Amino acid sequence: MIYKQFWKKLYYLAHQKLADSDLAQDMVHDVFRSIWERREELVISDSIEKYLVRSIKYKISGYFRERIQQERNMEASLLYVNESESVTEKQVAYNLLSTEVNMLVEKLPERCREVYKLSRESGLNNREIASALLVSEKTVENQITKALSFLRLGLNKYRNE
C-alpha cells in the first residue's frame, strides 16, 4: 500500500536529480526494499512520506558522493599512469642518447677523448686538466671545443625529436 501510494513521487524526485530513468527506478526500489528488510525494527517518528522523501534524498546524495570519489580516483590513476609513462619515455630517451654520446666519444681522437672525459666525466676544470696532461689551458680549451662540436654534429638528428 505504501509503495503504491508513494513510488511515483519518489521516482519523480530521483529522476529530476539523476536524469536517468533506470537509475531513478533502481534507487526507489532500493529505498522500499530497505524499508521492507528493516520492517520489524524500523521506527518512523515523522510521517511516512517525509521519511521516504528523506530516504531517497540520502540515497541520491550517496550516489553522487560515490561518483565524485570514483572520478577523483580515476583522475589520480590516470595522472599516475601518465607520469609513469612519461618517466619511462624519458628514461628510454636518456638511455638512447647516453649510448649515442658514448659511441661518439669513443670516435674522438685519443687526446681529445681524454680531455673530454676528464672534463665531463671526472669533473676537472681546464687548469686541472692542463696540469694533469702537461699541456696549456688553451690546448685543453681547444680540445673541449673540438669534442663538443663533434658531439653536437653527431647528435644533430635528435634535435627536433
C-alpha atoms as a PDB file:
ATOM      1  CA  MET A   1       0.000   0.000   0.000  1.00  0.00           C
ATOM      2  CA  ILE A   2       2.832   2.435   0.896  1.00  0.00           C
ATOM      3  CA  TYR A   3       4.659   1.523  -2.294  1.00  0.00           C
ATOM      4  CA  LYS A   4       1.618   2.160  -4.480  1.00  0.00           C
ATOM      5  CA  GLN A   5       0.945   5.476  -2.757  1.00  0.00           C
ATOM      6  CA  PHE A   6       4.474   6.989  -2.868  1.00  0.00           C
ATOM      7  CA  TRP A   7       6.588   5.340  -5.556  1.00  0.00           C
ATOM      8  CA  LYS A   8       5.637   7.871  -8.279  1.00  0.00           C
ATOM      9  CA  LYS A   9       6.618  10.833  -6.094  1.00  0.00           C
ATOM     10  CA  LEU A  10       9.936   9.243  -5.141  1.00  0.00           C
ATOM     11  CA  TYR A  11      10.608   8.284  -8.750  1.00  0.00           C
ATOM     12  CA  TYR A  12       9.879  11.841  -9.880  1.00  0.00           C
ATOM     13  CA  LEU A  13      12.281  13.292  -7.259  1.00  0.00           C
ATOM     14  CA  ALA A  14      15.014  10.825  -8.172  1.00  0.00           C
ATOM     15  CA  HIS A  15      14.562  11.276 -11.912  1.00  0.00           C
ATOM     16  CA  GLN A  16      14.779  15.086 -11.561  1.00  0.00           C
ATOM     17  CA  LYS A  17      18.154  14.826  -9.831  1.00  0.00           C
ATOM     18  CA  LEU A  18      19.621  11.930 -11.782  1.00  0.00           C
ATOM     19  CA  ALA A  19      18.181  12.416 -15.280  1.00  0.00           C
ATOM     20  CA  ASP A  20      18.349   8.647 -15.686  1.00  0.00           C
ATOM     21  CA  SER A  21      15.112   6.676 -15.638  1.00  0.00           C
ATOM     22  CA  ASP A  22      16.626   3.276 -14.883  1.00  0.00           C
ATOM     23  CA  LEU A  23      18.842   4.604 -12.105  1.00  0.00           C
ATOM     24  CA  ALA A  24      15.922   6.508 -10.555  1.00  0.00           C
ATOM     25  CA  GLN A  25      13.788   3.341 -10.597  1.00  0.00           C
ATOM     26  CA  ASP A  26      16.607   1.320  -9.027  1.00  0.00           C
ATOM     27  CA  MET A  27      17.018   3.844  -6.231  1.00  0.00           C
ATOM     28  CA  VAL A  28      13.300   3.962  -5.468  1.00  0.00           C
ATOM     29  CA  HIS A  29      13.208   0.167  -5.354  1.00  0.00           C
ATOM     30  CA  ASP A  30      16.286   0.150  -3.078  1.00  0.00           C
ATOM     31  CA  VAL A  31      14.563   2.520  -0.628  1.00  0.00           C
ATOM     32  CA  PHE A  32      11.438   0.357  -0.470  1.00  0.00           C
ATOM     33  CA  ARG A  33      13.495  -2.852  -0.250  1.00  0.00           C
ATOM     34  CA  SER A  34      15.471  -1.379   2.652  1.00  0.00           C
ATOM     35  CA  ILE A  35      12.265  -0.476   4.466  1.00  0.00           C
ATOM     36  CA  TRP A  36      10.885  -3.957   3.905  1.00  0.00           C
ATOM     37  CA  GLU A  37      14.066  -5.635   5.146  1.00  0.00           C
ATOM     38  CA  ARG A  38      14.055  -3.486   8.316  1.00  0.00           C
ATOM     39  CA  ARG A  39      10.275  -3.557   8.840  1.00  0.00           C
ATOM     40  CA  GLU A  40      10.490  -5.405  12.178  1.00  0.00           C
ATOM     41  CA  GLU A  41      12.777  -2.901  13.917  1.00  0.00           C
ATOM     42  CA  LEU A  42      12.055   0.266  11.907  1.00  0.00           C
ATOM     43  CA  VAL A  43      10.543   3.151  13.880  1.00  0.00           C
ATOM     44  CA  ILE A  44       9.325   6.151  11.894  1.00  0.00           C
ATOM     45  CA  SER A  45       8.592   9.203  14.051  1.00  0.00           C
ATOM     46  CA  ASP A  46       7.569  11.584  11.227  1.00  0.00           C
ATOM     47  CA  SER A  47       5.077  10.883   8.521  1.00  0.00           C
ATOM     48  CA  ILE A  48       5.940   8.025   6.198  1.00  0.00           C
ATOM     49  CA  GLU A  49       6.026  10.462   3.261  1.00  0.00           C
ATOM     50  CA  LYS A  50       8.683  12.659   4.913  1.00  0.00           C
ATOM     51  CA  TYR A  51      10.686   9.556   5.798  1.00  0.00           C
ATOM     52  CA  LEU A  52      10.564   8.255   2.224  1.00  0.00           C
ATOM     53  CA  VAL A  53      11.478  11.633   0.696  1.00  0.00           C
ATOM     54  CA  ARG A  54      14.402  11.956   3.094  1.00  0.00           C
ATOM     55  CA  SER A  55      15.490   8.382   2.288  1.00  0.00           C
ATOM     56  CA  ILE A  56      15.526   8.961  -1.471  1.00  0.00           C
ATOM     57  CA  LYS A  57      17.439  12.224  -0.989  1.00  0.00           C
ATOM     58  CA  TYR A  58      20.068  10.414   1.117  1.00  0.00           C
ATOM     59  CA  LYS A  59      20.260   7.682  -1.490  1.00  0.00           C
ATOM     60  CA  ILE A  60      20.825  10.239  -4.265  1.00  0.00           C
ATOM     61  CA  SER A  61      23.427  12.127  -2.198  1.00  0.00           C
ATOM     62  CA  GLY A  62      25.287   8.892  -1.535  1.00  0.00           C
ATOM     63  CA  TYR A  63      25.262   8.081  -5.223  1.00  0.00           C
ATOM     64  CA  PHE A  64      26.771  11.464  -6.150  1.00  0.00           C
ATOM     65  CA  ARG A  65      29.356  11.252  -3.356  1.00  0.00           C
ATOM     66  CA  GLU A  66      30.405   7.831  -4.584  1.00  0.00           C
ATOM     67  CA  ARG A  67      30.533   9.014  -8.187  1.00  0.00           C
ATOM     68  CA  ILE A  68      32.685  12.039  -7.284  1.00  0.00           C
ATOM     69  CA  GLN A  69      35.055   9.772  -5.356  1.00  0.00           C
ATOM     70  CA  GLN A  70      35.272   7.365  -8.313  1.00  0.00           C
ATOM     71  CA  GLU A  71      36.082  10.273 -10.651  1.00  0.00           C
ATOM     72  CA  ARG A  72      38.793  11.509  -8.283  1.00  0.00           C
ATOM     73  CA  ASN A  73      40.259   8.027  -8.078  1.00  0.00           C
ATOM     74  CA  MET A  74      40.161   7.719 -11.866  1.00  0.00           C
ATOM     75  CA  GLU A  75      41.871  11.097 -12.311  1.00  0.00           C
ATOM     76  CA  ALA A  76      44.542  10.152  -9.786  1.00  0.00           C
ATOM     77  CA  SER A  77      45.087   6.831 -11.561  1.00  0.00           C
ATOM     78  CA  LEU A  78      45.332   8.497 -14.959  1.00  0.00           C
ATOM     79  CA  LEU A  79      47.758  11.070 -13.600  1.00  0.00           C
ATOM     80  CA  TYR A  80      49.912   8.315 -12.120  1.00  0.00           C
ATOM     81  CA  VAL A  81      49.829   6.321 -15.374  1.00  0.00           C
ATOM     82  CA  ASN A  82      50.684   9.398 -17.454  1.00  0.00           C
ATOM     83  CA  GLU A  83      53.549  10.304 -15.121  1.00  0.00           C
ATOM     84  CA  SER A  84      54.824   6.730 -15.191  1.00  0.00           C
ATOM     85  CA  GLU A  85      54.689   6.613 -18.982  1.00  0.00           C
ATOM     86  CA  SER A  86      56.414   9.983 -19.181  1.00  0.00           C
ATOM     87  CA  VAL A  87      59.173   8.863 -16.811  1.00  0.00           C
ATOM     88  CA  THR A  88      59.632   5.647 -18.778  1.00  0.00           C
ATOM     89  CA  GLU A  89      59.756   7.510 -22.093  1.00  0.00           C
ATOM     90  CA  LYS A  90      62.264   9.981 -20.683  1.00  0.00           C
ATOM     91  CA  GLN A  91      64.391   7.160 -19.284  1.00  0.00           C
ATOM     92  CA  VAL A  92      64.404   5.371 -22.638  1.00  0.00           C
ATOM     93  CA  ALA A  93      65.305   8.609 -24.455  1.00  0.00           C
ATOM     94  CA  TYR A  94      68.061   9.320 -21.906  1.00  0.00           C
ATOM     95  CA  ASN A  95      69.494   5.821 -22.283  1.00  0.00           C
ATOM     96  CA  LEU A  96      69.427   6.114 -26.069  1.00  0.00           C
ATOM     97  CA  LEU A  97      71.162   9.497 -26.045  1.00  0.00           C
ATOM     98  CA  SER A  98      73.649   8.366 -23.435  1.00  0.00           C
ATOM     99  CA  THR A  99      74.604   5.363 -25.570  1.00  0.00           C
ATOM    100  CA  GLU A 100      74.909   7.574 -28.649  1.00  0.00           C
ATOM    101  CA  VAL A 101      77.117  10.087 -26.792  1.00  0.00           C
ATOM    102  CA  ASN A 102      79.366   7.300 -25.507  1.00  0.00           C
ATOM    103  CA  MET A 103      79.745   5.899 -29.029  1.00  0.00           C
ATOM    104  CA  LEU A 104      80.618   9.353 -30.377  1.00  0.00           C
ATOM    105  CA  VAL A 105      83.106   9.986 -27.563  1.00  0.00           C
ATOM    106  CA  GLU A 106      84.872   6.742 -28.453  1.00  0.00           C
ATOM    107  CA  LYS A 107      85.261   8.032 -32.041  1.00  0.00           C
ATOM    108  CA  LEU A 108      87.128  11.156 -30.880  1.00  0.00           C
ATOM    109  CA  PRO A 109      90.912  11.295 -31.340  1.00  0.00           C
ATOM    110  CA  GLU A 110      92.730   9.914 -28.312  1.00  0.00           C
ATOM    111  CA  ARG A 111      93.908  13.244 -26.784  1.00  0.00           C
ATOM    112  CA  CYS A 112      90.554  14.924 -27.450  1.00  0.00           C
ATOM    113  CA  ARG A 113      88.690  11.982 -25.878  1.00  0.00           C
ATOM    114  CA  GLU A 114      90.983  12.069 -22.851  1.00  0.00           C
ATOM    115  CA  VAL A 115      90.443  15.813 -22.317  1.00  0.00           C
ATOM    116  CA  TYR A 116      86.668  15.444 -22.774  1.00  0.00           C
ATOM    117  CA  LYS A 117      86.415  12.587 -20.268  1.00  0.00           C
ATOM    118  CA  LEU A 118      88.495  14.428 -17.689  1.00  0.00           C
ATOM    119  CA  SER A 119      86.267  17.460 -18.117  1.00  0.00           C
ATOM    120  CA  ARG A 120      82.798  15.887 -18.324  1.00  0.00           C
ATOM    121  CA  GLU A 121      83.145  12.570 -16.537  1.00  0.00           C
ATOM    122  CA  SER A 122      85.748  13.415 -13.894  1.00  0.00           C
ATOM    123  CA  GLY A 123      84.583  16.992 -13.419  1.00  0.00           C
ATOM    124  CA  LEU A 124      88.027  18.582 -13.627  1.00  0.00           C
ATOM    125  CA  ASN A 125      88.366  22.218 -14.701  1.00  0.00           C
ATOM    126  CA  ASN A 126      90.647  23.330 -17.553  1.00  0.00           C
ATOM    127  CA  ARG A 127      93.554  24.223 -15.268  1.00  0.00           C
ATOM    128  CA  GLU A 128      93.462  20.814 -13.552  1.00  0.00           C
ATOM    129  CA  ILE A 129      93.310  19.002 -16.897  1.00  0.00           C
ATOM    130  CA  ALA A 130      96.202  21.067 -18.294  1.00  0.00           C
ATOM    131  CA  SER A 131      98.247  20.294 -15.199  1.00  0.00           C
ATOM    132  CA  ALA A 132      97.443  16.557 -15.336  1.00  0.00           C
ATOM    133  CA  LEU A 133      98.249  16.214 -19.049  1.00  0.00           C
ATOM    134  CA  LEU A 134     101.138  18.697 -19.061  1.00  0.00           C
ATOM    135  CA  VAL A 135      99.580  20.897 -21.782  1.00  0.00           C
ATOM    136  CA  SER A 136      98.442  24.517 -21.838  1.00  0.00           C
ATOM    137  CA  GLU A 137      94.969  25.577 -20.741  1.00  0.00           C
ATOM    138  CA  LYS A 138      94.404  26.891 -24.269  1.00  0.00           C
ATOM    139  CA  THR A 139      95.053  23.405 -25.669  1.00  0.00           C
ATOM    140  CA  VAL A 140      92.539  21.955 -23.215  1.00  0.00           C
ATOM    141  CA  GLU A 141      90.013  24.613 -24.256  1.00  0.00           C
ATOM    142  CA  ASN A 142      90.540  23.821 -27.934  1.00  0.00           C
ATOM    143  CA  GLN A 143      90.208  20.068 -27.374  1.00  0.00           C
ATOM    144  CA  ILE A 144      86.931  20.512 -25.430  1.00  0.00           C
ATOM    145  CA  THR A 145      85.564  22.829 -28.136  1.00  0.00           C
ATOM    146  CA  LYS A 146      86.535  20.275 -30.790  1.00  0.00           C
ATOM    147  CA  ALA A 147      84.883  17.426 -28.817  1.00  0.00           C
ATOM    148  CA  LEU A 148      81.662  19.385 -28.209  1.00  0.00           C
ATOM    149  CA  SER A 149      81.420  20.396 -31.882  1.00  0.00           C
ATOM    150  CA  PHE A 150      81.860  16.765 -32.930  1.00  0.00           C
ATOM    151  CA  LEU A 151      79.210  15.598 -30.439  1.00  0.00           C
ATOM    152  CA  ARG A 152      76.789  18.363 -31.455  1.00  0.00           C
ATOM    153  CA  LEU A 153      77.159  17.366 -35.086  1.00  0.00           C
ATOM    154  CA  GLY A 154      76.722  13.664 -34.267  1.00  0.00           C
ATOM    155  CA  LEU A 155      73.607  14.314 -32.158  1.00  0.00           C
ATOM    156  CA  ASN A 156      72.031  16.760 -34.598  1.00  0.00           C
ATOM    157  CA  LYS A 157      69.485  14.154 -35.688  1.00  0.00           C
ATOM    158  CA  TYR A 158      67.971  14.222 -32.168  1.00  0.00           C
ATOM    159  CA  ARG A 159      67.464  17.992 -32.012  1.00  0.00           C
ATOM    160  CA  ASN A 160      63.825  18.159 -33.146  1.00  0.00           C
ATOM    161  CA  GLU A 161      62.586  14.926 -31.561  1.00  0.00           C
END
